[in-house]
């Protein structure tokens, strides 16, 4: 089996890059919606897809949709490509980090609509 592995070529990194970048986009969209909902009562009300959950229902649904749409597009574009893993990790980390920052109350309460 080891002989077979030596002769074979590693699969391209593109599909992995696509899902990692899509996860970063989903996290960023969740963070943006969280902060924007604090800044706009109209947006906050429109994100309320179900009453018991409140605006969190819309935030999570739209972030999930953003993830799957981005994943589909990025997978189509990158499936045969081999992007540099370092760049993918940096961009994904930046988007996830910013998305997390945007979901912290100490940050998004700075934008609360009055």
PDB file of N, CA and C in Angstrom:
ATOM      1  N   UNK A   1       0.821  -1.182   0.000  1.00  0.00           N
ATOM      2  CA  UNK A   1       0.000   0.000   0.000  1.00  0.00           C
ATOM      3  C   UNK A   1       0.876   1.260   0.000  1.00  0.00           C
ATOM      4  N   UNK A   2       1.999   1.199   0.681  1.00  0.00           N
ATOM      5  CA  UNK A   2       2.896   2.344   0.733  1.00  0.00           C
ATOM      6  C   UNK A   2       3.446   2.641  -0.654  1.00  0.00           C
ATOM      7  N   UNK A   3       3.671   1.614  -1.467  1.00  0.00           N
ATOM      8  CA  UNK A   3       4.160   1.809  -2.824  1.00  0.00           C
ATOM      9  C   UNK A   3       3.128   2.570  -3.663  1.00  0.00           C
ATOM     10  N   UNK A   4       1.828   2.271  -3.460  1.00  0.00           N
ATOM     11  CA  UNK A   4       0.778   2.948  -4.205  1.00  0.00           C
ATOM     12  C   UNK A   4       0.741   4.423  -3.845  1.00  0.00           C
ATOM     13  N   UNK A   5       0.935   4.758  -2.591  1.00  0.00           N
ATOM     14  CA  UNK A   5       0.876   6.139  -2.126  1.00  0.00           C
ATOM     15  C   UNK A   5       2.019   6.968  -2.719  1.00  0.00           C
ATOM     16  N   UNK A   6       3.194   6.374  -2.867  1.00  0.00           N
ATOM     17  CA  UNK A   6       4.342   7.112  -3.400  1.00  0.00           C
ATOM     18  C   UNK A   6       4.108   7.529  -4.841  1.00  0.00           C
ATOM     19  N   UNK A   7       3.476   6.683  -5.619  1.00  0.00           N
ATOM     20  CA  UNK A   7       3.259   6.957  -7.029  1.00  0.00           C
ATOM     21  C   UNK A   7       2.081   7.886  -7.285  1.00  0.00           C
ATOM     22  N   UNK A   8       1.173   7.994  -6.343  1.00  0.00           N
ATOM     23  CA  UNK A   8      -0.013   8.823  -6.565  1.00  0.00           C
ATOM     24  C   UNK A   8       0.251  10.269  -6.166  1.00  0.00           C
ATOM     25  N   UNK A   9      -0.479  11.136  -6.786  1.00  0.00           N
ATOM     26  CA  UNK A   9      -0.345  12.558  -6.515  1.00  0.00           C
ATOM     27  C   UNK A   9      -1.416  12.981  -5.513  1.00  0.00           C
ATOM     28  N   UNK A  10      -1.067  13.909  -4.637  1.00  0.00           N
ATOM     29  CA  UNK A  10      -2.022  14.394  -3.647  1.00  0.00           C
ATOM     30  C   UNK A  10      -3.153  15.140  -4.349  1.00  0.00           C
ATOM     31  N   UNK A  11      -4.360  15.020  -3.829  1.00  0.00           N
ATOM     32  CA  UNK A  11      -5.474  15.743  -4.447  1.00  0.00           C
ATOM     33  C   UNK A  11      -5.287  17.255  -4.274  1.00  0.00           C
ATOM     34  N   UNK A  12      -5.902  18.034  -5.146  1.00  0.00           N
ATOM     35  CA  UNK A  12      -5.753  19.493  -5.029  1.00  0.00           C
ATOM     36  C   UNK A  12      -6.370  20.009  -3.726  1.00  0.00           C
ATOM     37  N   UNK A  13      -5.847  21.125  -3.247  1.00  0.00           N
ATOM     38  CA  UNK A  13      -6.290  21.739  -2.003  1.00  0.00           C
ATOM     39  C   UNK A  13      -7.554  22.587  -2.211  1.00  0.00           C
ATOM     40  N   UNK A  14      -7.941  22.796  -3.446  1.00  0.00           N
ATOM     41  CA  UNK A  14      -9.072  23.657  -3.781  1.00  0.00           C
ATOM     42  C   UNK A  14     -10.371  23.347  -3.047  1.00  0.00           C
ATOM     43  N   UNK A  15     -10.828  22.089  -3.035  1.00  0.00           N
ATOM     44  CA  UNK A  15     -12.074  21.792  -2.333  1.00  0.00           C
ATOM     45  C   UNK A  15     -11.999  22.081  -0.826  1.00  0.00           C
ATOM     46  N   UNK A  16     -10.855  21.825  -0.230  1.00  0.00           N
ATOM     47  CA  UNK A  16     -10.677  22.130   1.197  1.00  0.00           C
ATOM     48  C   UNK A  16     -10.669  23.641   1.395  1.00  0.00           C
ATOM     49  N   UNK A  17      -9.974  24.346   0.521  1.00  0.00           N
ATOM     50  CA  UNK A  17      -9.937  25.814   0.594  1.00  0.00           C
ATOM     51  C   UNK A  17     -11.337  26.386   0.465  1.00  0.00           C
ATOM     52  N   UNK A  18     -12.150  25.812  -0.408  1.00  0.00           N
ATOM     53  CA  UNK A  18     -13.506  26.303  -0.626  1.00  0.00           C
ATOM     54  C   UNK A  18     -14.337  26.221   0.649  1.00  0.00           C
ATOM     55  N   UNK A  19     -14.280  25.113   1.340  1.00  0.00           N
ATOM     56  CA  UNK A  19     -15.106  24.976   2.552  1.00  0.00           C
ATOM     57  C   UNK A  19     -14.558  25.835   3.693  1.00  0.00           C
ATOM     58  N   UNK A  20     -13.248  25.968   3.787  1.00  0.00           N
ATOM     59  CA  UNK A  20     -12.673  26.824   4.833  1.00  0.00           C
ATOM     60  C   UNK A  20     -13.053  28.288   4.609  1.00  0.00           C
ATOM     61  N   UNK A  21     -12.907  28.767   3.388  1.00  0.00           N
ATOM     62  CA  UNK A  21     -13.258  30.157   3.088  1.00  0.00           C
ATOM     63  C   UNK A  21     -14.760  30.396   3.251  1.00  0.00           C
ATOM     64  N   UNK A  22     -15.567  29.417   2.877  1.00  0.00           N
ATOM     65  CA  UNK A  22     -17.017  29.542   3.051  1.00  0.00           C
ATOM     66  C   UNK A  22     -17.380  29.620   4.534  1.00  0.00           C
ATOM     67  N   UNK A  23     -16.684  28.872   5.373  1.00  0.00           N
ATOM     68  CA  UNK A  23     -16.926  28.953   6.815  1.00  0.00           C
ATOM     69  C   UNK A  23     -16.588  30.339   7.339  1.00  0.00           C
ATOM     70  N   UNK A  24     -15.494  30.912   6.844  1.00  0.00           N
ATOM     71  CA  UNK A  24     -15.140  32.271   7.227  1.00  0.00           C
ATOM     72  C   UNK A  24     -16.192  33.267   6.788  1.00  0.00           C
ATOM     73  N   UNK A  25     -16.714  33.098   5.592  1.00  0.00           N
ATOM     74  CA  UNK A  25     -17.762  33.989   5.089  1.00  0.00           C
ATOM     75  C   UNK A  25     -19.020  33.860   5.935  1.00  0.00           C
ATOM     76  N   UNK A  26     -19.396  32.635   6.284  1.00  0.00           N
ATOM     77  CA  UNK A  26     -20.571  32.425   7.131  1.00  0.00           C
ATOM     78  C   UNK A  26     -20.411  33.085   8.488  1.00  0.00           C
ATOM     79  N   UNK A  27     -19.234  32.959   9.092  1.00  0.00           N
ATOM     80  CA  UNK A  27     -18.982  33.588  10.391  1.00  0.00           C
ATOM     81  C   UNK A  27     -19.022  35.100  10.283  1.00  0.00           C
ATOM     82  N   UNK A  28     -18.469  35.634   9.206  1.00  0.00           N
ATOM     83  CA  UNK A  28     -18.471  37.079   9.006  1.00  0.00           C
ATOM     84  C   UNK A  28     -19.888  37.610   8.796  1.00  0.00           C
ATOM     85  N   UNK A  29     -20.692  36.896   8.030  1.00  0.00           N
ATOM     86  CA  UNK A  29     -22.086  37.308   7.809  1.00  0.00           C
ATOM     87  C   UNK A  29     -22.855  37.291   9.127  1.00  0.00           C
ATOM     88  N   UNK A  30     -22.649  36.272   9.953  1.00  0.00           N
ATOM     89  CA  UNK A  30     -23.320  36.229  11.257  1.00  0.00           C
ATOM     90  C   UNK A  30     -22.925  37.433  12.102  1.00  0.00           C
ATOM     91  N   UNK A  31     -21.652  37.752  12.133  1.00  0.00           N
ATOM     92  CA  UNK A  31     -21.194  38.899  12.895  1.00  0.00           C
ATOM     93  C   UNK A  31     -21.745  40.213  12.364  1.00  0.00           C
ATOM     94  N   UNK A  32     -21.740  40.365  11.046  1.00  0.00           N
ATOM     95  CA  UNK A  32     -22.277  41.587  10.440  1.00  0.00           C
ATOM     96  C   UNK A  32     -23.762  41.755  10.748  1.00  0.00           C
ATOM     97  N   UNK A  33     -24.520  40.676  10.617  1.00  0.00           N
ATOM     98  CA  UNK A  33     -25.950  40.758  10.904  1.00  0.00           C
ATOM     99  C   UNK A  33     -26.213  41.064  12.370  1.00  0.00           C
ATOM    100  N   UNK A  34     -25.393  40.523  13.256  1.00  0.00           N
ATOM    101  CA  UNK A  34     -25.554  40.796  14.686  1.00  0.00           C
ATOM    102  C   UNK A  34     -25.343  42.271  14.984  1.00  0.00           C
ATOM    103  N   UNK A  35     -24.285  42.839  14.454  1.00  0.00           N
ATOM    104  CA  UNK A  35     -23.988  44.252  14.695  1.00  0.00           C
ATOM    105  C   UNK A  35     -24.991  45.158  13.981  1.00  0.00           C
ATOM    106  N   UNK A  36     -25.326  44.846  12.738  1.00  0.00           N
ATOM    107  CA  UNK A  36     -26.265  45.682  11.992  1.00  0.00           C
ATOM    108  C   UNK A  36     -27.663  45.646  12.601  1.00  0.00           C
ATOM    109  N   UNK A  37     -28.040  44.500  13.179  1.00  0.00           N
ATOM    110  CA  UNK A  37     -29.348  44.411  13.829  1.00  0.00           C
ATOM    111  C   UNK A  37     -29.416  45.307  15.058  1.00  0.00           C
ATOM    112  N   UNK A  38     -28.289  45.525  15.710  1.00  0.00           N
ATOM    113  CA  UNK A  38     -28.258  46.446  16.852  1.00  0.00           C
ATOM    114  C   UNK A  38     -28.350  47.889  16.380  1.00  0.00           C
ATOM    115  N   UNK A  39     -27.830  48.164  15.216  1.00  0.00           N
ATOM    116  CA  UNK A  39     -27.813  49.524  14.691  1.00  0.00           C
ATOM    117  C   UNK A  39     -29.148  49.917  14.057  1.00  0.00           C
ATOM    118  N   UNK A  40     -29.922  48.940  13.607  1.00  0.00           N
ATOM    119  CA  UNK A  40     -31.162  49.228  12.895  1.00  0.00           C
ATOM    120  C   UNK A  40     -32.310  48.392  13.446  1.00  0.00           C
ATOM    121  N   UNK A  41     -33.295  49.060  14.015  1.00  0.00           N
ATOM    122  CA  UNK A  41     -34.452  48.308  14.538  1.00  0.00           C
ATOM    123  C   UNK A  41     -35.255  47.695  13.394  1.00  0.00           C
ATOM    124  N   UNK A  42     -35.264  48.339  12.231  1.00  0.00           N
ATOM    125  CA  UNK A  42     -35.980  47.776  11.081  1.00  0.00           C
ATOM    126  C   UNK A  42     -35.345  46.453  10.651  1.00  0.00           C
ATOM    127  N   UNK A  43     -34.017  46.416  10.591  1.00  0.00           N
ATOM    128  CA  UNK A  43     -33.329  45.171  10.234  1.00  0.00           C
ATOM    129  C   UNK A  43     -33.553  44.122  11.314  1.00  0.00           C
ATOM    130  N   UNK A  44     -33.470  44.536  12.561  1.00  0.00           N
ATOM    131  CA  UNK A  44     -33.684  43.601  13.677  1.00  0.00           C
ATOM    132  C   UNK A  44     -35.070  42.965  13.580  1.00  0.00           C
ATOM    133  N   UNK A  45     -36.077  43.780  13.292  1.00  0.00           N
ATOM    134  CA  UNK A  45     -37.446  43.253  13.159  1.00  0.00           C
ATOM    135  C   UNK A  45     -37.575  42.324  11.955  1.00  0.00           C
ATOM    136  N   UNK A  46     -36.903  42.655  10.847  1.00  0.00           N
ATOM    137  CA  UNK A  46     -37.008  41.812   9.660  1.00  0.00           C
ATOM    138  C   UNK A  46     -36.272  40.487   9.813  1.00  0.00           C
ATOM    139  N   UNK A  47     -35.316  40.421  10.725  1.00  0.00           N
ATOM    140  CA  UNK A  47     -34.594  39.167  10.961  1.00  0.00           C
ATOM    141  C   UNK A  47     -35.356  38.211  11.866  1.00  0.00           C
ATOM    142  N   UNK A  48     -36.432  38.671  12.460  1.00  0.00           N
ATOM    143  CA  UNK A  48     -37.214  37.817  13.359  1.00  0.00           C
ATOM    144  C   UNK A  48     -38.110  36.905  12.530  1.00  0.00           C
ATOM    145  N   UNK A  49     -37.608  35.718  12.222  1.00  0.00           N
ATOM    146  CA  UNK A  49     -38.353  34.762  11.411  1.00  0.00           C
ATOM    147  C   UNK A  49     -39.326  33.946  12.247  1.00  0.00           C
ATOM    148  N   UNK A  50     -39.020  33.803  13.529  1.00  0.00           N
ATOM    149  CA  UNK A  50     -39.906  33.088  14.448  1.00  0.00           C
ATOM    150  C   UNK A  50     -39.890  33.817  15.788  1.00  0.00           C
ATOM    151  N   UNK A  51     -41.067  34.009  16.367  1.00  0.00           N
ATOM    152  CA  UNK A  51     -41.183  34.810  17.588  1.00  0.00           C
ATOM    153  C   UNK A  51     -40.419  34.255  18.792  1.00  0.00           C
ATOM    154  N   UNK A  52     -40.485  32.963  19.088  1.00  0.00           N
ATOM    155  CA  UNK A  52     -39.775  32.488  20.284  1.00  0.00           C
ATOM    156  C   UNK A  52     -38.256  32.682  20.224  1.00  0.00           C
ATOM    157  N   UNK A  53     -37.695  32.657  19.035  1.00  0.00           N
ATOM    158  CA  UNK A  53     -36.244  32.781  18.887  1.00  0.00           C
ATOM    159  C   UNK A  53     -35.828  34.236  18.704  1.00  0.00           C
ATOM    160  N   UNK A  54     -36.681  35.029  18.099  1.00  0.00           N
ATOM    161  CA  UNK A  54     -36.369  36.429  17.861  1.00  0.00           C
ATOM    162  C   UNK A  54     -35.467  36.608  16.651  1.00  0.00           C
ATOM    163  N   UNK A  55     -34.726  37.721  16.608  1.00  0.00           N
ATOM    164  CA  UNK A  55     -33.895  38.015  15.442  1.00  0.00           C
ATOM    165  C   UNK A  55     -32.748  37.023  15.234  1.00  0.00           C
ATOM    166  N   UNK A  56     -32.417  36.263  16.260  1.00  0.00           N
ATOM    167  CA  UNK A  56     -31.365  35.255  16.107  1.00  0.00           C
ATOM    168  C   UNK A  56     -31.740  34.239  15.026  1.00  0.00           C
ATOM    169  N   UNK A  57     -33.035  33.981  14.864  1.00  0.00           N
ATOM    170  CA  UNK A  57     -33.457  33.023  13.842  1.00  0.00           C
ATOM    171  C   UNK A  57     -33.039  33.480  12.451  1.00  0.00           C
ATOM    172  N   UNK A  58     -33.241  34.741  12.129  1.00  0.00           N
ATOM    173  CA  UNK A  58     -32.851  35.253  10.818  1.00  0.00           C
ATOM    174  C   UNK A  58     -31.348  35.326  10.652  1.00  0.00           C
ATOM    175  N   UNK A  59     -30.668  35.730  11.722  1.00  0.00           N
ATOM    176  CA  UNK A  59     -29.206  35.830  11.652  1.00  0.00           C
ATOM    177  C   UNK A  59     -28.591  34.484  11.306  1.00  0.00           C
ATOM    178  N   UNK A  60     -29.027  33.440  11.994  1.00  0.00           N
ATOM    179  CA  UNK A  60     -28.438  32.118  11.758  1.00  0.00           C
ATOM    180  C   UNK A  60     -28.852  31.541  10.409  1.00  0.00           C
ATOM    181  N   UNK A  61     -30.104  31.767  10.016  1.00  0.00           N
ATOM    182  CA  UNK A  61     -30.551  31.255   8.721  1.00  0.00           C
ATOM    183  C   UNK A  61     -29.760  31.921   7.596  1.00  0.00           C
ATOM    184  N   UNK A  62     -29.637  33.251   7.634  1.00  0.00           N
ATOM    185  CA  UNK A  62     -28.930  33.945   6.558  1.00  0.00           C
ATOM    186  C   UNK A  62     -27.430  33.652   6.569  1.00  0.00           C
ATOM    187  N   UNK A  63     -26.843  33.469   7.735  1.00  0.00           N
ATOM    188  CA  UNK A  63     -25.425  33.100   7.807  1.00  0.00           C
ATOM    189  C   UNK A  63     -25.211  31.696   7.226  1.00  0.00           C
ATOM    190  N   UNK A  64     -26.139  30.796   7.511  1.00  0.00           N
ATOM    191  CA  UNK A  64     -26.045  29.432   6.975  1.00  0.00           C
ATOM    192  C   UNK A  64     -26.215  29.440   5.458  1.00  0.00           C
ATOM    193  N   UNK A  65     -27.159  30.217   4.963  1.00  0.00           N
ATOM    194  CA  UNK A  65     -27.356  30.342   3.512  1.00  0.00           C
ATOM    195  C   UNK A  65     -26.097  30.927   2.870  1.00  0.00           C
ATOM    196  N   UNK A  66     -25.512  31.944   3.495  1.00  0.00           N
ATOM    197  CA  UNK A  66     -24.282  32.536   2.966  1.00  0.00           C
ATOM    198  C   UNK A  66     -23.165  31.499   2.894  1.00  0.00           C
ATOM    199  N   UNK A  67     -23.052  30.665   3.931  1.00  0.00           N
ATOM    200  CA  UNK A  67     -22.041  29.604   3.932  1.00  0.00           C
ATOM    201  C   UNK A  67     -22.242  28.654   2.749  1.00  0.00           C
ATOM    202  N   UNK A  68     -23.475  28.150   2.586  1.00  0.00           N
ATOM    203  CA  UNK A  68     -23.711  27.160   1.532  1.00  0.00           C
ATOM    204  C   UNK A  68     -23.578  27.760   0.129  1.00  0.00           C
ATOM    205  N   UNK A  69     -24.024  28.987  -0.060  1.00  0.00           N
ATOM    206  CA  UNK A  69     -23.872  29.634  -1.370  1.00  0.00           C
ATOM    207  C   UNK A  69     -22.389  29.862  -1.668  1.00  0.00           C
ATOM    208  N   UNK A  70     -21.670  30.388  -0.687  1.00  0.00           N
ATOM    209  CA  UNK A  70     -20.230  30.619  -0.878  1.00  0.00           C
ATOM    210  C   UNK A  70     -19.498  29.309  -1.131  1.00  0.00           C
ATOM    211  N   UNK A  71     -19.861  28.274  -0.400  1.00  0.00           N
ATOM    212  CA  UNK A  71     -19.215  26.976  -0.579  1.00  0.00           C
ATOM    213  C   UNK A  71     -19.442  26.455  -1.990  1.00  0.00           C
ATOM    214  N   UNK A  72     -20.674  26.541  -2.472  1.00  0.00           N
ATOM    215  CA  UNK A  72     -20.968  26.073  -3.828  1.00  0.00           C
ATOM    216  C   UNK A  72     -20.181  26.829  -4.882  1.00  0.00           C
ATOM    217  N   UNK A  73     -20.159  28.145  -4.764  1.00  0.00           N
ATOM    218  CA  UNK A  73     -19.441  28.965  -5.745  1.00  0.00           C
ATOM    219  C   UNK A  73     -17.935  28.707  -5.667  1.00  0.00           C
ATOM    220  N   UNK A  74     -17.406  28.739  -4.452  1.00  0.00           N
ATOM    221  CA  UNK A  74     -15.961  28.533  -4.288  1.00  0.00           C
ATOM    222  C   UNK A  74     -15.536  27.130  -4.701  1.00  0.00           C
ATOM    223  N   UNK A  75     -16.362  26.141  -4.426  1.00  0.00           N
ATOM    224  CA  UNK A  75     -16.020  24.775  -4.836  1.00  0.00           C
ATOM    225  C   UNK A  75     -15.955  24.672  -6.361  1.00  0.00           C
ATOM    226  N   UNK A  76     -16.909  25.303  -7.027  1.00  0.00           N
ATOM    227  CA  UNK A  76     -16.912  25.287  -8.494  1.00  0.00           C
ATOM    228  C   UNK A  76     -15.657  25.959  -9.047  1.00  0.00           C
ATOM    229  N   UNK A  77     -15.277  27.070  -8.431  1.00  0.00           N
ATOM    230  CA  UNK A  77     -14.115  27.830  -8.916  1.00  0.00           C
ATOM    231  C   UNK A  77     -12.795  27.141  -8.571  1.00  0.00           C
ATOM    232  N   UNK A  78     -12.712  26.543  -7.385  1.00  0.00           N
ATOM    233  CA  UNK A  78     -11.424  26.044  -6.878  1.00  0.00           C
ATOM    234  C   UNK A  78     -11.227  24.532  -6.956  1.00  0.00           C
ATOM    235  N   UNK A  79     -12.201  23.780  -7.427  1.00  0.00           N
ATOM    236  CA  UNK A  79     -12.121  22.314  -7.303  1.00  0.00           C
ATOM    237  C   UNK A  79     -10.901  21.686  -7.973  1.00  0.00           C
ATOM    238  N   UNK A  80     -10.437  22.251  -9.065  1.00  0.00           N
ATOM    239  CA  UNK A  80      -9.262  21.699  -9.750  1.00  0.00           C
ATOM    240  C   UNK A  80      -7.992  22.504  -9.470  1.00  0.00           C
ATOM    241  N   UNK A  81      -8.105  23.515  -8.636  1.00  0.00           N
ATOM    242  CA  UNK A  81      -6.959  24.384  -8.357  1.00  0.00           C
ATOM    243  C   UNK A  81      -6.265  23.959  -7.071  1.00  0.00           C
ATOM    244  N   UNK A  82      -5.078  24.475  -6.888  1.00  0.00           N
ATOM    245  CA  UNK A  82      -4.295  24.156  -5.699  1.00  0.00           C
ATOM    246  C   UNK A  82      -3.784  25.457  -5.075  1.00  0.00           C
ATOM    247  N   UNK A  83      -4.686  26.229  -4.431  1.00  0.00           N
ATOM    248  CA  UNK A  83      -4.247  27.506  -3.845  1.00  0.00           C
ATOM    249  C   UNK A  83      -3.290  27.279  -2.684  1.00  0.00           C
ATOM    250  N   UNK A  84      -2.524  28.305  -2.378  1.00  0.00           N
ATOM    251  CA  UNK A  84      -1.575  28.215  -1.265  1.00  0.00           C
ATOM    252  C   UNK A  84      -2.342  28.103   0.052  1.00  0.00           C
ATOM    253  N   UNK A  85      -2.110  27.054   0.817  1.00  0.00           N
ATOM    254  CA  UNK A  85      -2.829  26.875   2.075  1.00  0.00           C
ATOM    255  C   UNK A  85      -2.657  28.051   3.037  1.00  0.00           C
ATOM    256  N   UNK A  86      -1.474  28.634   3.076  1.00  0.00           N
ATOM    257  CA  UNK A  86      -1.222  29.731   4.022  1.00  0.00           C
ATOM    258  C   UNK A  86      -2.189  30.894   3.800  1.00  0.00           C
ATOM    259  N   UNK A  87      -2.380  31.283   2.559  1.00  0.00           N
ATOM    260  CA  UNK A  87      -3.304  32.370   2.251  1.00  0.00           C
ATOM    261  C   UNK A  87      -4.739  32.039   2.638  1.00  0.00           C
ATOM    262  N   UNK A  88      -5.129  30.802   2.396  1.00  0.00           N
ATOM    263  CA  UNK A  88      -6.477  30.362   2.758  1.00  0.00           C
ATOM    264  C   UNK A  88      -6.655  30.424   4.276  1.00  0.00           C
ATOM    265  N   UNK A  89      -5.647  29.954   5.009  1.00  0.00           N
ATOM    266  CA  UNK A  89      -5.734  29.967   6.471  1.00  0.00           C
ATOM    267  C   UNK A  89      -5.774  31.402   7.007  1.00  0.00           C
ATOM    268  N   UNK A  90      -4.993  32.286   6.413  1.00  0.00           N
ATOM    269  CA  UNK A  90      -4.970  33.682   6.864  1.00  0.00           C
ATOM    270  C   UNK A  90      -6.335  34.338   6.619  1.00  0.00           C
ATOM    271  N   UNK A  91      -6.875  34.197   5.406  1.00  0.00           N
ATOM    272  CA  UNK A  91      -8.176  34.799   5.099  1.00  0.00           C
ATOM    273  C   UNK A  91      -9.293  34.204   5.950  1.00  0.00           C
ATOM    274  N   UNK A  92      -9.278  32.894   6.122  1.00  0.00           N
ATOM    275  CA  UNK A  92     -10.309  32.256   6.944  1.00  0.00           C
ATOM    276  C   UNK A  92     -10.215  32.733   8.383  1.00  0.00           C
ATOM    277  N   UNK A  93      -9.018  32.767   8.928  1.00  0.00           N
ATOM    278  CA  UNK A  93      -8.828  33.234  10.307  1.00  0.00           C
ATOM    279  C   UNK A  93      -9.272  34.678  10.473  1.00  0.00           C
ATOM    280  N   UNK A  94      -8.960  35.520   9.496  1.00  0.00           N
ATOM    281  CA  UNK A  94      -9.358  36.930   9.571  1.00  0.00           C
ATOM    282  C   UNK A  94     -10.882  37.069   9.558  1.00  0.00           C
ATOM    283  N   UNK A  95     -11.542  36.337   8.687  1.00  0.00           N
ATOM    284  CA  UNK A  95     -13.005  36.427   8.615  1.00  0.00           C
ATOM    285  C   UNK A  95     -13.673  35.867   9.864  1.00  0.00           C
ATOM    286  N   UNK A  96     -13.185  34.733  10.357  1.00  0.00           N
ATOM    287  CA  UNK A  96     -13.752  34.155  11.578  1.00  0.00           C
ATOM    288  C   UNK A  96     -13.489  35.084  12.763  1.00  0.00           C
ATOM    289  N   UNK A  97     -12.279  35.620  12.853  1.00  0.00           N
ATOM    290  CA  UNK A  97     -11.952  36.531  13.953  1.00  0.00           C
ATOM    291  C   UNK A  97     -12.810  37.780  13.937  1.00  0.00           C
ATOM    292  N   UNK A  98     -12.985  38.376  12.763  1.00  0.00           N
ATOM    293  CA  UNK A  98     -13.836  39.562  12.655  1.00  0.00           C
ATOM    294  C   UNK A  98     -15.291  39.220  12.946  1.00  0.00           C
ATOM    295  N   UNK A  99     -15.730  38.081  12.448  1.00  0.00           N
ATOM    296  CA  UNK A  99     -17.096  37.635  12.734  1.00  0.00           C
ATOM    297  C   UNK A  99     -17.332  37.452  14.221  1.00  0.00           C
ATOM    298  N   UNK A 100     -16.360  36.872  14.915  1.00  0.00           N
ATOM    299  CA  UNK A 100     -16.484  36.708  16.371  1.00  0.00           C
ATOM    300  C   UNK A 100     -16.517  38.058  17.075  1.00  0.00           C
ATOM    301  N   UNK A 101     -15.638  38.960  16.684  1.00  0.00           N
ATOM    302  CA  UNK A 101     -15.627  40.287  17.289  1.00  0.00           C
ATOM    303  C   UNK A 101     -16.989  40.965  17.143  1.00  0.00           C
ATOM    304  N   UNK A 102     -17.583  40.844  15.969  1.00  0.00           N
ATOM    305  CA  UNK A 102     -18.866  41.492  15.701  1.00  0.00           C
ATOM    306  C   UNK A 102     -20.029  40.879  16.488  1.00  0.00           C
ATOM    307  N   UNK A 103     -19.825  39.704  17.072  1.00  0.00           N
ATOM    308  CA  UNK A 103     -20.899  39.081  17.860  1.00  0.00           C
ATOM    309  C   UNK A 103     -20.758  39.323  19.363  1.00  0.00           C
ATOM    310  N   UNK A 104     -19.683  39.975  19.793  1.00  0.00           N
ATOM    311  CA  UNK A 104     -19.501  40.238  21.221  1.00  0.00           C
ATOM    312  C   UNK A 104     -20.325  41.452  21.641  1.00  0.00           C
ATOM    313  N   UNK A 105     -21.108  41.324  22.717  1.00  0.00           N
ATOM    314  CA  UNK A 105     -21.935  42.445  23.167  1.00  0.00           C
ATOM    315  C   UNK A 105     -21.145  43.721  23.432  1.00  0.00           C
ATOM    316  N   UNK A 106     -19.956  43.615  23.984  1.00  0.00           N
ATOM    317  CA  UNK A 106     -19.168  44.821  24.229  1.00  0.00           C
ATOM    318  C   UNK A 106     -18.906  45.599  22.949  1.00  0.00           C
ATOM    319  N   UNK A 107     -18.864  44.902  21.819  1.00  0.00           N
ATOM    320  CA  UNK A 107     -18.638  45.575  20.548  1.00  0.00           C
ATOM    321  C   UNK A 107     -19.955  46.025  19.925  1.00  0.00           C
ATOM    322  N   UNK A 108     -20.909  45.092  19.730  1.00  0.00           N
ATOM    323  CA  UNK A 108     -22.112  45.468  18.975  1.00  0.00           C
ATOM    324  C   UNK A 108     -23.032  46.414  19.731  1.00  0.00           C
ATOM    325  N   UNK A 109     -22.898  46.485  21.044  1.00  0.00           N
ATOM    326  CA  UNK A 109     -23.715  47.445  21.806  1.00  0.00           C
ATOM    327  C   UNK A 109     -23.272  48.887  21.561  1.00  0.00           C
ATOM    328  N   UNK A 110     -22.095  49.081  21.005  1.00  0.00           N
ATOM    329  CA  UNK A 110     -21.653  50.417  20.632  1.00  0.00           C
ATOM    330  C   UNK A 110     -22.546  51.004  19.518  1.00  0.00           C
ATOM    331  N   UNK A 111     -23.232  50.140  18.792  1.00  0.00           N
ATOM    332  CA  UNK A 111     -24.030  50.556  17.660  1.00  0.00           C
ATOM    333  C   UNK A 111     -25.524  50.485  17.923  1.00  0.00           C
ATOM    334  N   UNK A 112     -25.931  50.312  19.168  1.00  0.00           N
ATOM    335  CA  UNK A 112     -27.336  50.162  19.520  1.00  0.00           C
ATOM    336  C   UNK A 112     -28.143  51.384  19.070  1.00  0.00           C
ATOM    337  N   UNK A 113     -29.241  51.084  18.371  1.00  0.00           N
ATOM    338  CA  UNK A 113     -30.143  52.163  17.924  1.00  0.00           C
ATOM    339  C   UNK A 113     -30.903  52.702  19.131  1.00  0.00           C
ATOM    340  N   UNK A 114     -30.974  53.989  19.201  1.00  0.00           N
ATOM    341  CA  UNK A 114     -31.658  54.595  20.351  1.00  0.00           C
ATOM    342  C   UNK A 114     -32.938  55.266  19.947  1.00  0.00           C
TER     343      UNK A 114
END
